[in-house]
Amino acid sequence: MGQIITISIQIFNFLVWGGLIVVGFKFIKKTFEALDAIVEIKYILEEIKEKLD
């Protein structure tokens, strides 16, 4: 009986950590996408500024 509970806890811990890792990677990916978008906006603004000069 105790062994079943231990295995259940280990599976639960594995799923929790797996979920946290997946969420973490998604967050990092979104952060890099946002940074990429900011760099692109900056580039576009510089182009507009050059055209206005």
N, C-alpha and C. Protein backbone atom coordinates (compact mmCIF):
# COMPACT_ATOMS: atom_id res chain seq x y z
N MET A 1 0.84 -1.20 0.00
CA MET A 1 0.00 0.00 0.00
C MET A 1 0.88 1.26 0.00
N GLY A 2 1.90 1.28 0.84
CA GLY A 2 2.79 2.44 0.93
C GLY A 2 3.54 2.68 -0.37
N GLN A 3 3.85 1.58 -1.07
CA GLN A 3 4.59 1.69 -2.33
C GLN A 3 3.75 2.39 -3.40
N ILE A 4 2.47 2.08 -3.45
CA ILE A 4 1.55 2.69 -4.42
C ILE A 4 1.49 4.21 -4.19
N ILE A 5 1.41 4.62 -2.94
CA ILE A 5 1.35 6.05 -2.60
C ILE A 5 2.65 6.74 -3.02
N THR A 6 3.78 6.11 -2.75
CA THR A 6 5.09 6.67 -3.12
C THR A 6 5.19 6.85 -4.63
N ILE A 7 4.78 5.84 -5.38
CA ILE A 7 4.81 5.90 -6.85
C ILE A 7 3.89 7.02 -7.34
N SER A 8 2.70 7.11 -6.74
CA SER A 8 1.75 8.17 -7.11
C SER A 8 2.35 9.55 -6.89
N ILE A 9 3.00 9.73 -5.75
CA ILE A 9 3.64 11.01 -5.43
C ILE A 9 4.75 11.31 -6.44
N GLN A 10 5.54 10.31 -6.79
CA GLN A 10 6.62 10.50 -7.76
C GLN A 10 6.06 10.90 -9.13
N ILE A 11 4.99 10.25 -9.56
CA ILE A 11 4.36 10.58 -10.84
C ILE A 11 3.82 12.01 -10.79
N PHE A 12 3.17 12.36 -9.69
CA PHE A 12 2.61 13.71 -9.52
C PHE A 12 3.73 14.76 -9.59
N ASN A 13 4.83 14.51 -8.86
CA ASN A 13 5.98 15.43 -8.88
C ASN A 13 6.55 15.57 -10.28
N PHE A 14 6.67 14.46 -10.99
CA PHE A 14 7.19 14.47 -12.37
C PHE A 14 6.30 15.34 -13.26
N LEU A 15 4.98 15.18 -13.14
CA LEU A 15 4.04 15.96 -13.95
C LEU A 15 4.11 17.45 -13.61
N VAL A 16 4.21 17.75 -12.32
CA VAL A 16 4.29 19.15 -11.88
C VAL A 16 5.56 19.80 -12.44
N TRP A 17 6.71 19.15 -12.26
CA TRP A 17 7.97 19.70 -12.75
C TRP A 17 7.97 19.79 -14.27
N GLY A 18 7.43 18.78 -14.92
CA GLY A 18 7.32 18.80 -16.39
C GLY A 18 6.49 19.98 -16.85
N GLY A 19 5.38 20.21 -16.18
CA GLY A 19 4.51 21.35 -16.50
C GLY A 19 5.21 22.67 -16.30
N LEU A 20 5.94 22.80 -15.19
CA LEU A 20 6.67 24.04 -14.91
C LEU A 20 7.73 24.31 -15.97
N ILE A 21 8.41 23.27 -16.39
CA ILE A 21 9.46 23.41 -17.42
C ILE A 21 8.83 23.86 -18.74
N VAL A 22 7.71 23.24 -19.12
CA VAL A 22 7.03 23.61 -20.37
C VAL A 22 6.57 25.06 -20.31
N VAL A 23 5.95 25.45 -19.20
CA VAL A 23 5.48 26.83 -19.03
C VAL A 23 6.67 27.79 -19.08
N GLY A 24 7.76 27.42 -18.44
CA GLY A 24 8.96 28.25 -18.45
C GLY A 24 9.50 28.46 -19.85
N PHE A 25 9.58 27.39 -20.64
CA PHE A 25 10.07 27.51 -22.02
C PHE A 25 9.14 28.37 -22.85
N LYS A 26 7.81 28.20 -22.66
CA LYS A 26 6.85 29.02 -23.42
C LYS A 26 7.03 30.49 -23.06
N PHE A 27 7.24 30.78 -21.77
CA PHE A 27 7.43 32.16 -21.32
C PHE A 27 8.70 32.76 -21.95
N ILE A 28 9.78 31.97 -21.94
CA ILE A 28 11.05 32.44 -22.52
C ILE A 28 10.87 32.71 -24.01
N LYS A 29 10.16 31.80 -24.70
CA LYS A 29 9.92 31.97 -26.14
C LYS A 29 9.13 33.25 -26.40
N LYS A 30 8.08 33.48 -25.61
CA LYS A 30 7.25 34.69 -25.76
C LYS A 30 8.08 35.94 -25.50
N THR A 31 8.95 35.88 -24.50
CA THR A 31 9.81 37.02 -24.16
C THR A 31 10.72 37.35 -25.34
N PHE A 32 11.33 36.32 -25.94
CA PHE A 32 12.20 36.57 -27.09
C PHE A 32 11.42 37.09 -28.28
N GLU A 33 10.18 36.60 -28.49
CA GLU A 33 9.35 37.11 -29.57
C GLU A 33 9.05 38.59 -29.35
N ALA A 34 8.76 38.97 -28.10
CA ALA A 34 8.47 40.36 -27.77
C ALA A 34 9.71 41.23 -28.03
N LEU A 35 10.89 40.76 -27.62
CA LEU A 35 12.13 41.50 -27.85
C LEU A 35 12.39 41.66 -29.34
N ASP A 36 12.13 40.61 -30.10
CA ASP A 36 12.29 40.64 -31.55
C ASP A 36 11.37 41.69 -32.17
N ALA A 37 10.12 41.74 -31.69
CA ALA A 37 9.15 42.71 -32.18
C ALA A 37 9.61 44.13 -31.86
N ILE A 38 10.14 44.34 -30.67
CA ILE A 38 10.63 45.67 -30.26
C ILE A 38 11.78 46.11 -31.17
N VAL A 39 12.69 45.20 -31.45
CA VAL A 39 13.83 45.51 -32.34
C VAL A 39 13.31 45.88 -33.73
N GLU A 40 12.31 45.14 -34.20
CA GLU A 40 11.74 45.40 -35.52
C GLU A 40 11.06 46.76 -35.57
N ILE A 41 10.31 47.09 -34.52
CA ILE A 41 9.63 48.40 -34.44
C ILE A 41 10.68 49.52 -34.46
N LYS A 42 11.75 49.33 -33.71
CA LYS A 42 12.84 50.32 -33.65
C LYS A 42 13.42 50.52 -35.05
N TYR A 43 13.62 49.44 -35.77
CA TYR A 43 14.17 49.49 -37.13
C TYR A 43 13.22 50.27 -38.05
N ILE A 44 11.92 49.98 -37.96
CA ILE A 44 10.92 50.67 -38.78
C ILE A 44 10.90 52.17 -38.46
N LEU A 45 10.95 52.51 -37.17
CA LEU A 45 10.96 53.92 -36.76
C LEU A 45 12.20 54.64 -37.29
N GLU A 46 13.34 53.96 -37.29
CA GLU A 46 14.56 54.55 -37.83
C GLU A 46 14.42 54.80 -39.33
N GLU A 47 13.79 53.86 -40.05
CA GLU A 47 13.55 54.03 -41.49
C GLU A 47 12.66 55.24 -41.74
N ILE A 48 11.59 55.37 -40.96
CA ILE A 48 10.67 56.50 -41.10
C ILE A 48 11.42 57.81 -40.83
N LYS A 49 12.24 57.81 -39.80
CA LYS A 49 13.02 59.00 -39.43
C LYS A 49 13.95 59.41 -40.57
N GLU A 50 14.59 58.40 -41.20
CA GLU A 50 15.48 58.67 -42.34
C GLU A 50 14.72 59.27 -43.50
N LYS A 51 13.51 58.80 -43.75
CA LYS A 51 12.69 59.31 -44.87
C LYS A 51 12.25 60.74 -44.60
N LEU A 52 12.01 61.07 -43.33
CA LEU A 52 11.57 62.42 -42.98
C LEU A 52 12.71 63.43 -43.06
N ASP A 53 13.95 62.97 -42.89
CA ASP A 53 15.10 63.90 -42.90
C ASP A 53 15.39 64.43 -44.29
